[in-house]
Each structure stands twice: as structure tokens, then as C-alpha cells.
């Protein structure tokens, strides 16, 4: 089973954008997950999208997904067309990087399930016209779609669309006590990407937030068991290190990126024994 490894740039967030690209390549990753807002900021400060494209090409990095589109699920009817316009802009930007997926985040506060599912279906249609696939994510400390079970329910609701996919996240699954049995129900073809991360030992599930994520292997998530299920499913796509830990941001970013890659490879080795 061969996975491809990528670095989500949140793991080394304080670094300038082009430095993130260099670090990901030097640390040995195959790809890098870029944040759209980082690119917007880079351009706003006088940079050009072409500079980022050249950096990726020069370093031999792919862009398996870009993050993120927010606000679409809960937007008021008058605001919703504006969110669709923003979705188009972000998908068109992703297409410039030959990036197949744009991550779509659920509403932060409670929102009707039917509205989220219907609007995700709208995004899939927009993406089809552009050539980029919106992939749905669940966020454990949001009040709408928090768990793997809830995220899969949204994607399953629009499963007649072959492009409907979910982006898995070990931290969000653990933080909501999501079940491996649920994971076993998801066809590999419906999984766009797998975010790997770990959870701090001093806080129980449901109490953790992004800064509580810790380096792979330093926490309490049974990542080996999760990877074994992914292997059973036949998933052999991207695994991306996604951390938001300020203590890691204070360390040498290349050291952090290299350590993360090594830990992922160790976890994969344990899962395939």
C-alpha cells in the first residue's frame, strides 16, 4: 500500500508562503496543502500567483487540495449568491495549481442538515463547471457538522453525484468519539484526503481545539488502527500532516516538517505489519 505524503501549511503557519513551499520539499514531502487566504495575502502584498506556481514546479511538489471555503452553508439567501461567486474564485485559483480538491467547511453554528446538503450539491455543480471538486469536511468543535458520522451523512445524502467526497481528519474523528465502524462504511472512492494529527493527553474528547493537536505519535489517538481501516478500504491516496500547535510554530520549521514525515512513515509501517 503506497500513500503519498503532503504537508498542510498550517503546521508551519508563521513562515512566508514561498518558504513553506521550500520547507515541504526539503523535508521530503510529495505535496503541499495550500491555504487560499495565504495566496490572497501573498498577492495583496505584491506577489503574483505565477511565483507560487513556479516555486511548486521548481521543487517538484503537487497540490492535492486547497483550504478552504467557508460561509456557504449558513449564508442568508441574499448573501448566498456572493458565496457562490467566492466559491468560483477559489475553485478557479485551485485549478491554476492543478489542484483537484477545494475543502468546504461546515457552518460554525447550528444549521439545517438539508440546507447544508443541498448547498454542498450546488458546490459540486459549480466545481464540475470549473474542473475542481469541492470536498466536504467536518470540524469537531463546530455546532453543525462535527463528527465523522455527520460528515458522512452529508456526503451520502448527495451520493448520486460521483464527485461527492469527504476529507477525513484523525483529530476531528477522535474529538467527537467517531467510530471506526463508520469509517468502514465509507468507500475509498469517497475519501478525498486524510489529515493526520494527534490529540493531547491532558484533555478529553470534546474539549480540544485546534491548538491542542500534537505531533503524530505524541498523543492518544490510535492512528495505527485508523490507518489499518483505510488500508482495508483500499484507500491509497494522500496523507497530510495538519497541525495548529503554537509550540511547534516556535520550533525550527524544517525540523518540525521532517519529524512529522518520519512519524507518519513510522505509523504507516506499524499499520502494515
Protein backbone atom coordinates (compact mmCIF):
# COMPACT_ATOMS: atom_id res chain seq x y z
CA UNK A 1 0.00 0.00 0.00
CA UNK A 2 1.60 3.26 -1.14
CA UNK A 3 0.43 6.55 0.29
CA UNK A 4 1.57 9.98 -0.85
CA UNK A 5 2.54 12.44 1.86
CA UNK A 6 1.80 16.14 1.95
CA UNK A 7 2.37 18.98 4.38
CA UNK A 8 -0.55 21.18 5.33
CA UNK A 9 0.99 24.62 5.72
CA UNK A 10 -0.89 25.24 8.99
CA UNK A 11 1.79 23.00 10.55
CA UNK A 12 4.39 25.73 9.95
CA UNK A 13 1.95 28.61 9.74
CA UNK A 14 4.18 31.62 10.64
CA UNK A 15 6.55 31.03 7.71
CA UNK A 16 6.21 33.09 4.50
CA UNK A 17 4.38 31.29 1.72
CA UNK A 18 7.35 30.58 -0.56
CA UNK A 19 9.37 29.43 2.44
CA UNK A 20 6.61 26.93 3.26
CA UNK A 21 6.98 25.51 -0.23
CA UNK A 22 10.76 25.20 0.15
CA UNK A 23 10.46 23.55 3.56
CA UNK A 24 7.89 21.00 2.38
CA UNK A 25 10.15 19.95 -0.46
CA UNK A 26 13.33 19.87 1.62
CA UNK A 27 11.57 17.78 4.26
CA UNK A 28 10.77 15.17 1.61
CA UNK A 29 7.02 15.58 1.08
CA UNK A 30 5.38 14.80 -2.25
CA UNK A 31 2.84 17.59 -1.97
CA UNK A 32 1.72 20.64 -0.05
CA UNK A 33 -1.76 21.72 1.03
CA UNK A 34 -2.05 25.45 0.46
CA UNK A 35 -4.47 27.84 2.16
CA UNK A 36 -6.29 30.12 -0.25
CA UNK A 37 -6.09 33.03 2.19
CA UNK A 38 -2.29 32.71 2.25
CA UNK A 39 -2.25 33.13 -1.51
CA UNK A 40 -4.64 36.09 -1.31
CA UNK A 41 -2.32 37.69 1.27
CA UNK A 42 0.76 36.97 -0.85
CA UNK A 43 -0.84 38.66 -3.86
CA UNK A 44 -2.09 41.54 -1.69
CA UNK A 45 1.48 42.20 -0.61
CA UNK A 46 2.67 42.49 -4.19
CA UNK A 47 3.37 38.86 -5.09
CA UNK A 48 1.98 37.00 -8.08
CA UNK A 49 0.27 33.65 -8.35
CA UNK A 50 2.83 32.72 -11.00
CA UNK A 51 5.62 32.97 -8.41
CA UNK A 52 3.92 30.33 -6.28
CA UNK A 53 3.33 28.14 -9.32
CA UNK A 54 7.00 28.37 -10.27
CA UNK A 55 8.11 27.55 -6.73
CA UNK A 56 5.94 24.44 -6.68
CA UNK A 57 7.21 23.37 -10.09
CA UNK A 58 10.85 24.03 -9.21
CA UNK A 59 10.52 21.99 -6.01
CA UNK A 60 8.52 19.17 -7.63
CA UNK A 61 5.52 19.50 -5.33
CA UNK A 62 1.90 18.67 -6.12
CA UNK A 63 -1.08 20.42 -4.55
CA UNK A 64 -3.57 17.69 -3.61
CA UNK A 65 -6.09 20.05 -2.02
CA UNK A 66 -6.55 23.68 -1.07
CA UNK A 67 -8.23 25.11 2.01
CA UNK A 68 -10.88 26.36 2.46
CA UNK A 69 -14.31 27.68 1.53
CA UNK A 70 -16.37 28.88 4.49
CA UNK A 71 -19.63 30.72 5.00
CA UNK A 72 -21.51 28.99 2.18
CA UNK A 73 -23.59 26.67 4.37
CA UNK A 74 -25.08 29.28 6.67
CA UNK A 75 -25.26 32.28 4.34
CA UNK A 76 -28.58 34.12 4.25
CA UNK A 77 -30.49 33.85 0.96
CA UNK A 78 -29.38 37.32 -0.17
CA UNK A 79 -25.76 36.54 0.66
CA UNK A 80 -25.66 33.06 -0.84
CA UNK A 81 -25.02 34.20 -4.46
CA UNK A 82 -21.98 36.10 -3.17
CA UNK A 83 -20.68 32.93 -1.53
CA UNK A 84 -21.16 31.05 -4.80
CA UNK A 85 -19.11 33.74 -6.53
CA UNK A 86 -16.37 33.32 -3.94
CA UNK A 87 -16.53 29.56 -4.40
CA UNK A 88 -15.95 30.08 -8.12
CA UNK A 89 -12.96 32.33 -7.45
CA UNK A 90 -11.39 29.82 -5.08
CA UNK A 91 -12.00 26.89 -7.38
CA UNK A 92 -10.56 28.78 -10.33
CA UNK A 93 -7.49 29.53 -8.23
CA UNK A 94 -7.20 25.83 -7.31
CA UNK A 95 -7.42 24.93 -11.00
CA UNK A 96 -4.42 27.18 -11.70
CA UNK A 97 -2.41 24.93 -9.39
CA UNK A 98 -3.73 21.72 -10.98
CA UNK A 99 -5.31 21.07 -7.59
CA UNK A 100 -8.20 18.59 -7.74
CA UNK A 101 -9.98 19.49 -4.47
CA UNK A 102 -11.15 22.55 -2.56
CA UNK A 103 -12.04 21.85 1.07
CA UNK A 104 -15.51 23.10 2.06
CA UNK A 105 -16.03 23.73 5.77
CA UNK A 106 -19.41 23.36 7.51
CA UNK A 107 -21.17 26.19 9.34
CA UNK A 108 -19.76 27.09 12.75
CA UNK A 109 -23.21 27.32 14.34
CA UNK A 110 -26.25 25.08 14.01
CA UNK A 111 -27.74 24.90 10.55
CA UNK A 112 -30.37 22.71 8.93
CA UNK A 113 -28.86 19.47 7.65
CA UNK A 114 -30.96 19.64 4.48
CA UNK A 115 -29.66 23.13 3.70
CA UNK A 116 -26.02 22.07 4.14
CA UNK A 117 -26.51 19.01 1.93
CA UNK A 118 -28.41 20.93 -0.76
CA UNK A 119 -25.80 23.66 -0.86
CA UNK A 120 -22.98 21.15 -0.99
CA UNK A 121 -24.75 19.74 -4.05
CA UNK A 122 -24.72 23.27 -5.51
CA UNK A 123 -20.96 23.50 -4.92
CA UNK A 124 -20.44 20.19 -6.68
CA UNK A 125 -22.20 21.60 -9.74
CA UNK A 126 -20.06 24.74 -9.63
CA UNK A 127 -16.95 22.63 -9.33
CA UNK A 128 -17.94 20.46 -12.27
CA UNK A 129 -18.10 23.52 -14.50
CA UNK A 130 -14.61 24.62 -13.39
CA UNK A 131 -12.85 21.28 -13.09
CA UNK A 132 -12.26 21.29 -9.32
CA UNK A 133 -14.08 19.05 -6.84
CA UNK A 134 -15.40 20.50 -3.58
CA UNK A 135 -14.72 18.07 -0.74
CA UNK A 136 -16.69 18.24 2.49
CA UNK A 137 -15.07 18.45 5.91
CA UNK A 138 -16.38 18.05 9.44
CA UNK A 139 -14.99 20.11 12.33
CA UNK A 140 -15.25 18.69 15.83
CA UNK A 141 -15.71 21.98 17.68
CA UNK A 142 -18.33 23.36 15.30
CA UNK A 143 -22.02 23.05 16.12
CA UNK A 144 -23.34 21.92 12.75
CA UNK A 145 -21.32 19.03 11.30
CA UNK A 146 -18.82 17.96 13.93
CA UNK A 147 -18.31 14.21 13.65
CA UNK A 148 -17.33 11.71 11.01
CA UNK A 149 -20.85 10.29 11.22
CA UNK A 150 -22.40 13.69 10.49
CA UNK A 151 -19.93 14.50 7.73
CA UNK A 152 -20.52 11.19 6.01
CA UNK A 153 -24.29 11.72 6.29
CA UNK A 154 -23.96 14.96 4.29
CA UNK A 155 -21.83 13.34 1.59
CA UNK A 156 -24.05 10.25 1.48
CA UNK A 157 -27.10 12.49 1.04
CA UNK A 158 -25.71 13.64 -2.31
CA UNK A 159 -24.00 10.36 -3.21
CA UNK A 160 -25.72 10.31 -6.58
CA UNK A 161 -23.01 12.80 -7.53
CA UNK A 162 -19.79 10.87 -8.21
CA UNK A 163 -17.71 13.85 -7.11
CA UNK A 164 -19.17 13.97 -3.58
CA UNK A 165 -16.31 13.21 -1.16
CA UNK A 166 -15.29 13.65 2.45
CA UNK A 167 -11.91 14.74 3.78
CA UNK A 168 -11.04 12.66 6.83
CA UNK A 169 -9.31 14.05 9.90
CA UNK A 170 -7.96 11.88 12.72
CA UNK A 171 -8.22 14.68 15.28
CA UNK A 172 -11.81 15.65 14.49
CA UNK A 173 -12.88 11.99 14.48
CA UNK A 174 -11.26 11.34 17.86
CA UNK A 175 -12.55 14.60 19.36
CA UNK A 176 -16.13 13.51 18.65
CA UNK A 177 -15.69 9.84 19.58
CA UNK A 178 -16.39 8.88 15.98
CA UNK A 179 -16.39 5.17 15.30
CA UNK A 180 -14.09 3.07 13.17
CA UNK A 181 -17.24 1.21 12.17
CA UNK A 182 -18.45 4.40 10.49
CA UNK A 183 -15.13 4.73 8.70
CA UNK A 184 -15.51 1.16 7.42
CA UNK A 185 -18.78 2.17 5.72
CA UNK A 186 -17.11 4.81 3.54
CA UNK A 187 -15.93 3.64 0.10
CA UNK A 188 -12.35 4.60 -0.67
CA UNK A 189 -13.60 6.42 -3.75
CA UNK A 190 -15.48 8.83 -1.46
CA UNK A 191 -12.36 9.80 0.50
CA UNK A 192 -10.53 12.78 -0.98
CA UNK A 193 -7.75 13.07 1.56
CA UNK A 194 -6.68 12.07 5.08
CA UNK A 195 -5.44 14.63 7.61
CA UNK A 196 -3.20 13.00 10.17
CA UNK A 197 -2.63 14.59 13.56
CA UNK A 198 -2.70 13.59 17.21
CA UNK A 199 -4.55 14.75 20.33
CA UNK A 200 -3.13 15.95 23.63
CA UNK A 201 -3.35 13.55 26.56
CA UNK A 202 -4.49 16.10 29.15
CA UNK A 203 -7.90 16.89 27.61
CA UNK A 204 -10.78 14.52 26.93
CA UNK A 205 -12.61 14.22 23.59
CA UNK A 206 -14.97 17.12 23.03
CA UNK A 207 -12.76 19.53 24.96
CA UNK A 208 -9.98 20.03 22.44
CA UNK A 209 -9.49 22.75 19.85
CA UNK A 210 -7.01 23.21 17.00
CA UNK A 211 -4.08 24.35 19.21
CA UNK A 212 -4.40 21.11 21.21
CA UNK A 213 -3.29 18.99 18.26
CA UNK A 214 0.13 17.46 18.87
CA UNK A 215 2.74 15.80 16.72
CA UNK A 216 1.87 12.38 15.32
CA UNK A 217 2.91 9.79 17.92
CA UNK A 218 2.94 12.24 20.83
CA UNK A 219 -0.76 11.93 21.62
CA UNK A 220 -3.52 9.47 22.41
CA UNK A 221 -5.17 8.73 19.05
CA UNK A 222 -4.83 5.16 17.81
CA UNK A 223 -3.61 6.22 14.38
CA UNK A 224 -2.39 2.74 13.55
CA UNK A 225 -5.91 1.33 13.93
CA UNK A 226 -7.33 4.11 11.74
CA UNK A 227 -4.75 3.56 9.04
CA UNK A 228 -5.43 -0.16 9.08
CA UNK A 229 -9.09 0.55 8.31
CA UNK A 230 -8.08 2.86 5.46
CA UNK A 231 -5.88 0.11 4.07
CA UNK A 232 -8.76 -2.37 4.38
CA UNK A 233 -10.92 0.03 2.39
CA UNK A 234 -8.30 0.22 -0.34
CA UNK A 235 -7.53 3.89 0.22
CA UNK A 236 -4.08 4.74 -1.12
CA UNK A 237 -4.32 8.48 -1.60
CA UNK A 238 -2.85 11.46 0.19
CA UNK A 239 -1.98 11.68 3.89
CA UNK A 240 -1.32 15.21 5.06
CA UNK A 241 0.19 16.45 8.32
CA UNK A 242 -2.15 19.13 9.67
CA UNK A 243 -1.21 20.71 13.00
CA UNK A 244 -2.06 24.11 14.51
CA UNK A 245 0.14 23.91 17.59
CA UNK A 246 1.81 27.23 18.62
CA UNK A 247 4.56 25.33 20.45
CA UNK A 248 5.51 23.68 17.15
CA UNK A 249 5.35 27.03 15.37
CA UNK A 250 8.08 28.26 17.73
CA UNK A 251 10.43 25.44 16.70
CA UNK A 252 12.58 25.17 13.61
CA UNK A 253 10.00 24.63 10.83
CA UNK A 254 12.17 22.28 8.79
CA UNK A 255 12.80 20.16 11.88
CA UNK A 256 9.04 20.00 12.57
CA UNK A 257 8.24 19.08 8.97
CA UNK A 258 10.89 16.36 8.89
CA UNK A 259 9.79 14.95 12.23
CA UNK A 260 6.19 14.85 11.03
CA UNK A 261 7.11 12.96 7.88
CA UNK A 262 9.19 10.48 9.84
CA UNK A 263 6.36 9.89 12.31
CA UNK A 264 3.84 9.36 9.53
CA UNK A 265 6.11 6.81 7.87
CA UNK A 266 6.57 5.02 11.21
CA UNK A 267 2.80 4.91 11.69
CA UNK A 268 2.24 3.54 8.20
CA UNK A 269 4.91 0.90 8.82
CA UNK A 270 3.17 -0.19 12.03
CA UNK A 271 -0.20 -0.32 10.27
CA UNK A 272 1.13 -2.55 7.53
CA UNK A 273 2.97 -5.06 9.75
